[in-house]
């Protein structure tokens, strides 16, 4: 039987080994392979892939990329390599060629679906996953999107961020959370009380594991809202009943991952109405689920 101090030393060595493996990833090379600079949250490196090239309208509203066109991929260090998760925004004509290139590179597809209804042109969302060398996976994502879609990789022109013409302090009060302005859209990322895990890694907010609620001003105190709620199976119907009672359209219910524990579902939604009214109704719906306390 090993002495407790020996076990402690072994445990410490394993932790140091994991840290060393995480630090061994050359993230500058990953940035270069993808042609983007990551936003870093803890150990997760997340890259935005917004479809700023698309001009999408829904019910007469011009959709800003931050509202419903914000593709992304994120890498989390795992067993000396990295786990990849992501959500790519594609037109219907781009789905098959992008999928083919990703599959040929060894990456996995975990979902394809809509987020909203009646959008013109119609947009779809392809969830991707992988485990391996993050530089190689980043290069595979870049190659697939650059050759089989019109996803832009050049840095956007430097312009002043458009204002968010909403009473954001009152929105925060109604939502019970603090939002952030991004590209003319006011965004909330509200985590679950107990995040799911996949491959032993916690699916946290930067890996797509939070309720995402976005508000785009449409004038006169109104806002278009969309995003997704992250719920367990027994929470789906209480949530969608609350959304419908609040006049919010439910536009999709589906999975994003394949092997997460517990099993999670993503509920997408849409409305264009008084922003404060919608915030209160969204909060009522969130309270039907196991969200982190606010």
C-alpha atoms as a PDB file:
ATOM      1  CA  UNK A   1       0.000   0.000   0.000  1.00  0.00           C
ATOM      2  CA  UNK A   2       1.379   3.380  -1.017  1.00  0.00           C
ATOM      3  CA  UNK A   3       2.028   5.950   1.692  1.00  0.00           C
ATOM      4  CA  UNK A   4      -0.478   8.903   1.683  1.00  0.00           C
ATOM      5  CA  UNK A   5       2.357  11.310   0.940  1.00  0.00           C
ATOM      6  CA  UNK A   6       3.319   9.188  -2.061  1.00  0.00           C
ATOM      7  CA  UNK A   7      -0.272   9.277  -3.334  1.00  0.00           C
ATOM      8  CA  UNK A   8      -0.358  13.030  -2.800  1.00  0.00           C
ATOM      9  CA  UNK A   9       2.869  13.432  -4.746  1.00  0.00           C
ATOM     10  CA  UNK A  10       1.510  11.284  -7.579  1.00  0.00           C
ATOM     11  CA  UNK A  11      -1.681  13.344  -7.692  1.00  0.00           C
ATOM     12  CA  UNK A  12       0.335  16.539  -7.808  1.00  0.00           C
ATOM     13  CA  UNK A  13       2.465  15.142 -10.599  1.00  0.00           C
ATOM     14  CA  UNK A  14      -0.628  14.269 -12.623  1.00  0.00           C
ATOM     15  CA  UNK A  15      -2.011  17.783 -12.180  1.00  0.00           C
ATOM     16  CA  UNK A  16       1.302  19.293 -13.199  1.00  0.00           C
ATOM     17  CA  UNK A  17       1.438  16.929 -16.178  1.00  0.00           C
ATOM     18  CA  UNK A  18      -2.036  18.070 -17.303  1.00  0.00           C
ATOM     19  CA  UNK A  19      -1.036  21.728 -16.892  1.00  0.00           C
ATOM     20  CA  UNK A  20       2.150  21.124 -18.833  1.00  0.00           C
ATOM     21  CA  UNK A  21       0.206  19.463 -21.659  1.00  0.00           C
ATOM     22  CA  UNK A  22      -2.236  22.408 -21.771  1.00  0.00           C
ATOM     23  CA  UNK A  23       0.615  24.886 -21.862  1.00  0.00           C
ATOM     24  CA  UNK A  24       2.391  22.827 -24.532  1.00  0.00           C
ATOM     25  CA  UNK A  25      -0.232  23.834 -27.116  1.00  0.00           C
ATOM     26  CA  UNK A  26       1.136  26.660 -29.231  1.00  0.00           C
ATOM     27  CA  UNK A  27      -2.018  28.768 -29.475  1.00  0.00           C
ATOM     28  CA  UNK A  28      -0.367  31.274 -31.800  1.00  0.00           C
ATOM     29  CA  UNK A  29      -0.034  28.478 -34.355  1.00  0.00           C
ATOM     30  CA  UNK A  30      -3.693  27.591 -33.849  1.00  0.00           C
ATOM     31  CA  UNK A  31      -4.618  31.255 -34.411  1.00  0.00           C
ATOM     32  CA  UNK A  32      -2.542  31.296 -37.590  1.00  0.00           C
ATOM     33  CA  UNK A  33      -4.071  28.043 -38.863  1.00  0.00           C
ATOM     34  CA  UNK A  34      -7.599  29.375 -38.423  1.00  0.00           C
ATOM     35  CA  UNK A  35      -6.781  32.929 -39.477  1.00  0.00           C
ATOM     36  CA  UNK A  36      -8.473  34.306 -36.365  1.00  0.00           C
ATOM     37  CA  UNK A  37      -7.524  35.477 -32.881  1.00  0.00           C
ATOM     38  CA  UNK A  38      -9.109  33.607 -30.004  1.00  0.00           C
ATOM     39  CA  UNK A  39     -11.042  34.936 -27.052  1.00  0.00           C
ATOM     40  CA  UNK A  40      -9.603  33.078 -24.063  1.00  0.00           C
ATOM     41  CA  UNK A  41     -11.785  32.011 -21.118  1.00  0.00           C
ATOM     42  CA  UNK A  42      -9.825  29.908 -18.648  1.00  0.00           C
ATOM     43  CA  UNK A  43      -8.284  27.152 -20.775  1.00  0.00           C
ATOM     44  CA  UNK A  44     -10.855  27.447 -23.584  1.00  0.00           C
ATOM     45  CA  UNK A  45      -9.857  29.274 -26.777  1.00  0.00           C
ATOM     46  CA  UNK A  46     -12.932  30.390 -28.740  1.00  0.00           C
ATOM     47  CA  UNK A  47     -12.937  31.826 -32.254  1.00  0.00           C
ATOM     48  CA  UNK A  48     -15.802  33.849 -33.718  1.00  0.00           C
ATOM     49  CA  UNK A  49     -16.895  33.066 -37.290  1.00  0.00           C
ATOM     50  CA  UNK A  50     -19.773  35.500 -37.899  1.00  0.00           C
ATOM     51  CA  UNK A  51     -21.467  35.502 -41.303  1.00  0.00           C
ATOM     52  CA  UNK A  52     -21.093  39.230 -41.814  1.00  0.00           C
ATOM     53  CA  UNK A  53     -21.202  38.567 -45.564  1.00  0.00           C
ATOM     54  CA  UNK A  54     -24.883  37.580 -45.445  1.00  0.00           C
ATOM     55  CA  UNK A  55     -27.833  39.970 -45.667  1.00  0.00           C
ATOM     56  CA  UNK A  56     -30.586  38.076 -43.890  1.00  0.00           C
ATOM     57  CA  UNK A  57     -34.045  39.438 -43.122  1.00  0.00           C
ATOM     58  CA  UNK A  58     -36.802  37.967 -40.966  1.00  0.00           C
ATOM     59  CA  UNK A  59     -40.264  39.508 -40.715  1.00  0.00           C
ATOM     60  CA  UNK A  60     -38.850  42.652 -42.310  1.00  0.00           C
ATOM     61  CA  UNK A  61     -35.964  42.924 -39.805  1.00  0.00           C
ATOM     62  CA  UNK A  62     -32.370  42.993 -41.040  1.00  0.00           C
ATOM     63  CA  UNK A  63     -30.598  40.442 -38.826  1.00  0.00           C
ATOM     64  CA  UNK A  64     -27.294  41.602 -37.362  1.00  0.00           C
ATOM     65  CA  UNK A  65     -24.598  38.889 -37.266  1.00  0.00           C
ATOM     66  CA  UNK A  66     -24.501  39.006 -33.436  1.00  0.00           C
ATOM     67  CA  UNK A  67     -28.239  38.272 -33.245  1.00  0.00           C
ATOM     68  CA  UNK A  68     -28.421  34.982 -35.150  1.00  0.00           C
ATOM     69  CA  UNK A  69     -25.461  34.588 -37.543  1.00  0.00           C
ATOM     70  CA  UNK A  70     -22.584  34.167 -35.106  1.00  0.00           C
ATOM     71  CA  UNK A  71     -20.710  30.982 -35.970  1.00  0.00           C
ATOM     72  CA  UNK A  72     -17.844  29.864 -33.731  1.00  0.00           C
ATOM     73  CA  UNK A  73     -15.417  27.090 -32.830  1.00  0.00           C
ATOM     74  CA  UNK A  74     -13.767  26.504 -29.459  1.00  0.00           C
ATOM     75  CA  UNK A  75     -10.866  24.348 -28.261  1.00  0.00           C
ATOM     76  CA  UNK A  76     -10.381  22.932 -24.747  1.00  0.00           C
ATOM     77  CA  UNK A  77      -7.108  21.166 -23.800  1.00  0.00           C
ATOM     78  CA  UNK A  78      -7.747  17.437 -23.325  1.00  0.00           C
ATOM     79  CA  UNK A  79      -5.296  14.591 -22.747  1.00  0.00           C
ATOM     80  CA  UNK A  80      -2.381  16.415 -24.292  1.00  0.00           C
ATOM     81  CA  UNK A  81      -4.367  17.485 -27.342  1.00  0.00           C
ATOM     82  CA  UNK A  82      -7.670  19.403 -27.571  1.00  0.00           C
ATOM     83  CA  UNK A  83     -11.394  18.855 -27.792  1.00  0.00           C
ATOM     84  CA  UNK A  84     -13.166  20.888 -30.479  1.00  0.00           C
ATOM     85  CA  UNK A  85     -16.764  22.075 -30.425  1.00  0.00           C
ATOM     86  CA  UNK A  86     -18.352  24.555 -32.790  1.00  0.00           C
ATOM     87  CA  UNK A  87     -21.386  25.877 -34.629  1.00  0.00           C
ATOM     88  CA  UNK A  88     -20.989  26.955 -38.253  1.00  0.00           C
ATOM     89  CA  UNK A  89     -23.549  29.201 -40.001  1.00  0.00           C
ATOM     90  CA  UNK A  90     -24.206  28.038 -43.557  1.00  0.00           C
ATOM     91  CA  UNK A  91     -26.540  28.504 -46.489  1.00  0.00           C
ATOM     92  CA  UNK A  92     -28.284  25.362 -47.707  1.00  0.00           C
ATOM     93  CA  UNK A  93     -26.000  25.165 -50.758  1.00  0.00           C
ATOM     94  CA  UNK A  94     -22.925  25.207 -48.491  1.00  0.00           C
ATOM     95  CA  UNK A  95     -23.943  22.369 -46.161  1.00  0.00           C
ATOM     96  CA  UNK A  96     -22.913  19.312 -48.185  1.00  0.00           C
ATOM     97  CA  UNK A  97     -19.571  20.598 -49.514  1.00  0.00           C
ATOM     98  CA  UNK A  98     -18.514  21.910 -46.092  1.00  0.00           C
ATOM     99  CA  UNK A  99     -19.606  18.668 -44.413  1.00  0.00           C
ATOM    100  CA  UNK A 100     -17.708  16.554 -46.948  1.00  0.00           C
ATOM    101  CA  UNK A 101     -14.469  18.447 -46.376  1.00  0.00           C
ATOM    102  CA  UNK A 102     -14.820  18.301 -42.593  1.00  0.00           C
ATOM    103  CA  UNK A 103     -15.535  14.564 -42.612  1.00  0.00           C
ATOM    104  CA  UNK A 104     -12.598  13.942 -44.950  1.00  0.00           C
ATOM    105  CA  UNK A 105     -10.348  15.783 -42.477  1.00  0.00           C
ATOM    106  CA  UNK A 106     -11.442  13.503 -39.617  1.00  0.00           C
ATOM    107  CA  UNK A 107     -13.807  15.905 -37.858  1.00  0.00           C
ATOM    108  CA  UNK A 108     -17.300  14.889 -36.779  1.00  0.00           C
ATOM    109  CA  UNK A 109     -20.695  16.452 -37.479  1.00  0.00           C
ATOM    110  CA  UNK A 110     -23.037  16.368 -34.464  1.00  0.00           C
ATOM    111  CA  UNK A 111     -26.088  18.311 -35.705  1.00  0.00           C
ATOM    112  CA  UNK A 112     -27.546  20.292 -38.625  1.00  0.00           C
ATOM    113  CA  UNK A 113     -30.652  22.388 -38.123  1.00  0.00           C
ATOM    114  CA  UNK A 114     -32.414  25.724 -38.326  1.00  0.00           C
ATOM    115  CA  UNK A 115     -32.529  28.295 -35.525  1.00  0.00           C
ATOM    116  CA  UNK A 116     -35.246  30.611 -36.860  1.00  0.00           C
ATOM    117  CA  UNK A 117     -38.125  30.384 -39.315  1.00  0.00           C
ATOM    118  CA  UNK A 118     -39.017  32.494 -42.386  1.00  0.00           C
ATOM    119  CA  UNK A 119     -35.531  33.999 -42.747  1.00  0.00           C
ATOM    120  CA  UNK A 120     -34.471  35.033 -46.245  1.00  0.00           C
ATOM    121  CA  UNK A 121     -32.112  33.605 -47.292  1.00  0.00           C
ATOM    122  CA  UNK A 122     -32.602  30.567 -45.047  1.00  0.00           C
ATOM    123  CA  UNK A 123     -29.630  29.872 -42.794  1.00  0.00           C
ATOM    124  CA  UNK A 124     -28.650  26.593 -41.153  1.00  0.00           C
ATOM    125  CA  UNK A 125     -26.312  25.639 -38.344  1.00  0.00           C
ATOM    126  CA  UNK A 126     -23.816  22.788 -38.498  1.00  0.00           C
ATOM    127  CA  UNK A 127     -22.342  21.632 -35.188  1.00  0.00           C
ATOM    128  CA  UNK A 128     -18.861  20.151 -35.379  1.00  0.00           C
ATOM    129  CA  UNK A 129     -16.680  18.216 -32.952  1.00  0.00           C
ATOM    130  CA  UNK A 130     -13.263  16.656 -32.828  1.00  0.00           C
ATOM    131  CA  UNK A 131     -10.355  15.533 -30.671  1.00  0.00           C
ATOM    132  CA  UNK A 132      -6.745  15.826 -31.691  1.00  0.00           C
ATOM    133  CA  UNK A 133      -4.072  18.319 -32.682  1.00  0.00           C
ATOM    134  CA  UNK A 134      -5.753  21.742 -32.381  1.00  0.00           C
ATOM    135  CA  UNK A 135      -3.580  23.274 -35.119  1.00  0.00           C
ATOM    136  CA  UNK A 136      -4.616  20.555 -37.585  1.00  0.00           C
ATOM    137  CA  UNK A 137      -8.276  20.818 -36.614  1.00  0.00           C
ATOM    138  CA  UNK A 138      -8.161  24.615 -36.979  1.00  0.00           C
ATOM    139  CA  UNK A 139      -6.617  24.246 -40.447  1.00  0.00           C
ATOM    140  CA  UNK A 140      -9.356  21.775 -41.415  1.00  0.00           C
ATOM    141  CA  UNK A 141     -12.081  24.218 -40.340  1.00  0.00           C
ATOM    142  CA  UNK A 142     -10.414  27.049 -42.254  1.00  0.00           C
ATOM    143  CA  UNK A 143      -9.966  24.979 -45.414  1.00  0.00           C
ATOM    144  CA  UNK A 144     -13.552  23.702 -45.396  1.00  0.00           C
ATOM    145  CA  UNK A 145     -15.137  27.102 -44.836  1.00  0.00           C
ATOM    146  CA  UNK A 146     -12.825  29.050 -47.142  1.00  0.00           C
ATOM    147  CA  UNK A 147     -13.204  26.620 -50.050  1.00  0.00           C
ATOM    148  CA  UNK A 148     -16.857  25.583 -49.712  1.00  0.00           C
ATOM    149  CA  UNK A 149     -18.574  28.625 -48.177  1.00  0.00           C
ATOM    150  CA  UNK A 150     -18.257  32.392 -48.240  1.00  0.00           C
ATOM    151  CA  UNK A 151     -17.529  32.678 -44.523  1.00  0.00           C
ATOM    152  CA  UNK A 152     -15.262  35.749 -44.187  1.00  0.00           C
ATOM    153  CA  UNK A 153     -11.874  35.439 -42.505  1.00  0.00           C
ATOM    154  CA  UNK A 154     -10.463  38.923 -43.074  1.00  0.00           C
ATOM    155  CA  UNK A 155     -10.680  41.203 -40.018  1.00  0.00           C
ATOM    156  CA  UNK A 156     -13.752  43.450 -40.216  1.00  0.00           C
ATOM    157  CA  UNK A 157     -13.235  47.094 -41.084  1.00  0.00           C
ATOM    158  CA  UNK A 158     -12.673  49.143 -37.944  1.00  0.00           C
ATOM    159  CA  UNK A 159     -15.852  51.091 -37.297  1.00  0.00           C
ATOM    160  CA  UNK A 160     -17.579  52.410 -34.225  1.00  0.00           C
ATOM    161  CA  UNK A 161     -19.804  49.805 -32.596  1.00  0.00           C
ATOM    162  CA  UNK A 162     -23.467  50.588 -33.317  1.00  0.00           C
ATOM    163  CA  UNK A 163     -25.373  51.707 -30.222  1.00  0.00           C
ATOM    164  CA  UNK A 164     -27.858  49.445 -28.484  1.00  0.00           C
ATOM    165  CA  UNK A 165     -30.976  51.628 -28.389  1.00  0.00           C
ATOM    166  CA  UNK A 166     -32.528  49.883 -25.377  1.00  0.00           C
ATOM    167  CA  UNK A 167     -32.729  50.561 -21.651  1.00  0.00           C
ATOM    168  CA  UNK A 168     -30.117  47.926 -20.841  1.00  0.00           C
ATOM    169  CA  UNK A 169     -30.145  48.621 -17.090  1.00  0.00           C
ATOM    170  CA  UNK A 170     -33.843  47.752 -16.928  1.00  0.00           C
ATOM    171  CA  UNK A 171     -33.279  44.737 -19.169  1.00  0.00           C
ATOM    172  CA  UNK A 172     -30.600  43.505 -16.761  1.00  0.00           C
ATOM    173  CA  UNK A 173     -33.001  43.982 -13.855  1.00  0.00           C
ATOM    174  CA  UNK A 174     -35.760  42.040 -15.610  1.00  0.00           C
ATOM    175  CA  UNK A 175     -33.402  39.268 -16.707  1.00  0.00           C
ATOM    176  CA  UNK A 176     -31.637  39.004 -13.363  1.00  0.00           C
ATOM    177  CA  UNK A 177     -28.309  38.996 -15.185  1.00  0.00           C
ATOM    178  CA  UNK A 178     -25.781  41.373 -16.704  1.00  0.00           C
ATOM    179  CA  UNK A 179     -25.702  41.526 -20.483  1.00  0.00           C
ATOM    180  CA  UNK A 180     -23.016  42.767 -22.850  1.00  0.00           C
ATOM    181  CA  UNK A 181     -23.236  44.830 -26.025  1.00  0.00           C
ATOM    182  CA  UNK A 182     -21.835  43.184 -29.145  1.00  0.00           C
ATOM    183  CA  UNK A 183     -22.249  44.548 -32.675  1.00  0.00           C
ATOM    184  CA  UNK A 184     -25.444  46.457 -31.907  1.00  0.00           C
ATOM    185  CA  UNK A 185     -26.992  43.492 -30.046  1.00  0.00           C
ATOM    186  CA  UNK A 186     -27.410  43.073 -26.282  1.00  0.00           C
ATOM    187  CA  UNK A 187     -26.455  39.526 -25.292  1.00  0.00           C
ATOM    188  CA  UNK A 188     -26.907  37.310 -22.252  1.00  0.00           C
ATOM    189  CA  UNK A 189     -25.109  34.055 -21.496  1.00  0.00           C
ATOM    190  CA  UNK A 190     -26.785  32.462 -18.467  1.00  0.00           C
ATOM    191  CA  UNK A 191     -25.191  29.189 -17.337  1.00  0.00           C
ATOM    192  CA  UNK A 192     -26.981  26.170 -15.952  1.00  0.00           C
ATOM    193  CA  UNK A 193     -26.653  25.304 -12.277  1.00  0.00           C
ATOM    194  CA  UNK A 194     -24.908  22.008 -13.133  1.00  0.00           C
ATOM    195  CA  UNK A 195     -23.316  22.095 -16.599  1.00  0.00           C
ATOM    196  CA  UNK A 196     -23.260  18.935 -18.703  1.00  0.00           C
ATOM    197  CA  UNK A 197     -20.030  17.086 -19.427  1.00  0.00           C
ATOM    198  CA  UNK A 198     -18.764  15.524 -22.629  1.00  0.00           C
ATOM    199  CA  UNK A 199     -15.612  13.431 -22.770  1.00  0.00           C
ATOM    200  CA  UNK A 200     -15.042  14.261 -19.113  1.00  0.00           C
ATOM    201  CA  UNK A 201     -14.903  18.000 -19.856  1.00  0.00           C
ATOM    202  CA  UNK A 202     -17.452  20.435 -18.503  1.00  0.00           C
ATOM    203  CA  UNK A 203     -19.397  22.057 -21.344  1.00  0.00           C
ATOM    204  CA  UNK A 204     -19.097  25.586 -19.999  1.00  0.00           C
ATOM    205  CA  UNK A 205     -20.253  28.895 -21.480  1.00  0.00           C
ATOM    206  CA  UNK A 206     -17.424  29.342 -24.058  1.00  0.00           C
ATOM    207  CA  UNK A 207     -18.034  25.757 -25.252  1.00  0.00           C
ATOM    208  CA  UNK A 208     -21.704  26.566 -25.905  1.00  0.00           C
ATOM    209  CA  UNK A 209     -23.051  25.425 -22.546  1.00  0.00           C
ATOM    210  CA  UNK A 210     -25.163  28.424 -21.534  1.00  0.00           C
ATOM    211  CA  UNK A 211     -28.606  29.822 -22.250  1.00  0.00           C
ATOM    212  CA  UNK A 212     -28.025  32.459 -24.951  1.00  0.00           C
ATOM    213  CA  UNK A 213     -30.541  35.302 -25.219  1.00  0.00           C
ATOM    214  CA  UNK A 214     -29.954  38.138 -27.683  1.00  0.00           C
ATOM    215  CA  UNK A 215     -31.834  41.449 -28.031  1.00  0.00           C
ATOM    216  CA  UNK A 216     -31.605  43.525 -31.230  1.00  0.00           C
ATOM    217  CA  UNK A 217     -33.330  46.929 -31.068  1.00  0.00           C
ATOM    218  CA  UNK A 218     -36.100  47.387 -33.650  1.00  0.00           C
ATOM    219  CA  UNK A 219     -37.223  50.894 -32.604  1.00  0.00           C
ATOM    220  CA  UNK A 220     -39.575  52.450 -30.090  1.00  0.00           C
ATOM    221  CA  UNK A 221     -38.357  50.333 -27.185  1.00  0.00           C
ATOM    222  CA  UNK A 222     -38.992  47.109 -29.089  1.00  0.00           C
ATOM    223  CA  UNK A 223     -36.495  44.349 -29.762  1.00  0.00           C
ATOM    224  CA  UNK A 224     -36.173  41.202 -31.817  1.00  0.00           C
ATOM    225  CA  UNK A 225     -35.012  38.355 -29.591  1.00  0.00           C
ATOM    226  CA  UNK A 226     -33.563  34.974 -30.429  1.00  0.00           C
ATOM    227  CA  UNK A 227     -31.047  32.478 -29.076  1.00  0.00           C
ATOM    228  CA  UNK A 228     -31.316  29.136 -27.375  1.00  0.00           C
ATOM    229  CA  UNK A 229     -32.226  27.647 -24.019  1.00  0.00           C
ATOM    230  CA  UNK A 230     -30.221  24.671 -22.777  1.00  0.00           C
ATOM    231  CA  UNK A 231     -32.453  22.182 -20.953  1.00  0.00           C
ATOM    232  CA  UNK A 232     -32.873  18.571 -19.886  1.00  0.00           C
ATOM    233  CA  UNK A 233     -35.668  16.493 -21.401  1.00  0.00           C
ATOM    234  CA  UNK A 234     -38.052  16.969 -18.477  1.00  0.00           C
ATOM    235  CA  UNK A 235     -37.617  20.756 -18.733  1.00  0.00           C
ATOM    236  CA  UNK A 236     -38.491  21.059 -22.436  1.00  0.00           C
ATOM    237  CA  UNK A 237     -42.273  21.288 -22.185  1.00  0.00           C
ATOM    238  CA  UNK A 238     -42.482  23.480 -19.047  1.00  0.00           C
ATOM    239  CA  UNK A 239     -40.096  25.861 -20.829  1.00  0.00           C
ATOM    240  CA  UNK A 240     -41.936  25.987 -24.150  1.00  0.00           C
ATOM    241  CA  UNK A 241     -45.305  26.387 -22.400  1.00  0.00           C
ATOM    242  CA  UNK A 242     -43.894  29.408 -20.570  1.00  0.00           C
ATOM    243  CA  UNK A 243     -42.487  30.836 -23.819  1.00  0.00           C
ATOM    244  CA  UNK A 244     -45.798  30.475 -25.640  1.00  0.00           C
ATOM    245  CA  UNK A 245     -47.676  32.005 -22.697  1.00  0.00           C
ATOM    246  CA  UNK A 246     -45.335  34.979 -23.064  1.00  0.00           C
ATOM    247  CA  UNK A 247     -46.008  35.359 -26.792  1.00  0.00           C
ATOM    248  CA  UNK A 248     -42.596  34.007 -27.793  1.00  0.00           C
ATOM    249  CA  UNK A 249     -42.399  31.717 -30.825  1.00  0.00           C
ATOM    250  CA  UNK A 250     -40.609  28.363 -30.421  1.00  0.00           C
ATOM    251  CA  UNK A 251     -38.669  27.748 -33.647  1.00  0.00           C
ATOM    252  CA  UNK A 252     -36.589  24.609 -33.038  1.00  0.00           C
ATOM    253  CA  UNK A 253     -35.942  21.876 -30.455  1.00  0.00           C
ATOM    254  CA  UNK A 254     -32.911  19.658 -30.989  1.00  0.00           C
ATOM    255  CA  UNK A 255     -29.557  18.381 -29.743  1.00  0.00           C
ATOM    256  CA  UNK A 256     -26.155  19.927 -30.387  1.00  0.00           C
ATOM    257  CA  UNK A 257     -23.934  17.150 -28.994  1.00  0.00           C
ATOM    258  CA  UNK A 258     -23.881  13.342 -29.175  1.00  0.00           C
ATOM    259  CA  UNK A 259     -22.509  11.994 -25.885  1.00  0.00           C
ATOM    260  CA  UNK A 260     -23.074  14.648 -23.233  1.00  0.00           C
ATOM    261  CA  UNK A 261     -24.184  13.744 -19.708  1.00  0.00           C
ATOM    262  CA  UNK A 262     -26.909  14.474 -18.804  1.00  0.00           C
ATOM    263  CA  UNK A 263     -28.654  14.551 -22.196  1.00  0.00           C
ATOM    264  CA  UNK A 264     -29.369  18.155 -23.182  1.00  0.00           C
ATOM    265  CA  UNK A 265     -31.724  19.819 -25.644  1.00  0.00           C
ATOM    266  CA  UNK A 266     -31.568  23.272 -27.191  1.00  0.00           C
ATOM    267  CA  UNK A 267     -34.764  25.275 -27.621  1.00  0.00           C
ATOM    268  CA  UNK A 268     -34.606  28.168 -30.087  1.00  0.00           C
ATOM    269  CA  UNK A 269     -37.064  31.056 -30.107  1.00  0.00           C
ATOM    270  CA  UNK A 270     -38.093  34.315 -31.785  1.00  0.00           C
ATOM    271  CA  UNK A 271     -40.183  37.390 -30.980  1.00  0.00           C
ATOM    272  CA  UNK A 272     -40.305  41.093 -31.838  1.00  0.00           C
ATOM    273  CA  UNK A 273     -42.098  43.100 -29.154  1.00  0.00           C
ATOM    274  CA  UNK A 274     -41.560  45.474 -26.255  1.00  0.00           C
ATOM    275  CA  UNK A 275     -38.067  44.637 -24.996  1.00  0.00           C
ATOM    276  CA  UNK A 276     -38.850  44.821 -21.260  1.00  0.00           C
ATOM    277  CA  UNK A 277     -41.968  42.688 -21.675  1.00  0.00           C
ATOM    278  CA  UNK A 278     -39.927  40.078 -23.544  1.00  0.00           C
ATOM    279  CA  UNK A 279     -37.164  40.162 -20.923  1.00  0.00           C
ATOM    280  CA  UNK A 280     -39.673  39.455 -18.149  1.00  0.00           C
ATOM    281  CA  UNK A 281     -41.239  36.636 -20.148  1.00  0.00           C
ATOM    282  CA  UNK A 282     -37.840  35.129 -20.938  1.00  0.00           C
ATOM    283  CA  UNK A 283     -36.930  35.264 -17.238  1.00  0.00           C
ATOM    284  CA  UNK A 284     -40.179  33.498 -16.354  1.00  0.00           C
ATOM    285  CA  UNK A 285     -39.297  30.773 -18.843  1.00  0.00           C
ATOM    286  CA  UNK A 286     -35.721  30.459 -17.554  1.00  0.00           C
ATOM    287  CA  UNK A 287     -37.060  29.958 -14.048  1.00  0.00           C
ATOM    288  CA  UNK A 288     -38.729  26.734 -15.248  1.00  0.00           C
ATOM    289  CA  UNK A 289     -35.213  25.313 -15.727  1.00  0.00           C
ATOM    290  CA  UNK A 290     -32.169  24.609 -13.557  1.00  0.00           C
ATOM    291  CA  UNK A 291     -30.275  27.811 -14.263  1.00  0.00           C
ATOM    292  CA  UNK A 292     -27.562  29.174 -12.005  1.00  0.00           C
ATOM    293  CA  UNK A 293     -28.987  31.406  -9.317  1.00  0.00           C
ATOM    294  CA  UNK A 294     -29.128  35.127 -10.089  1.00  0.00           C
END
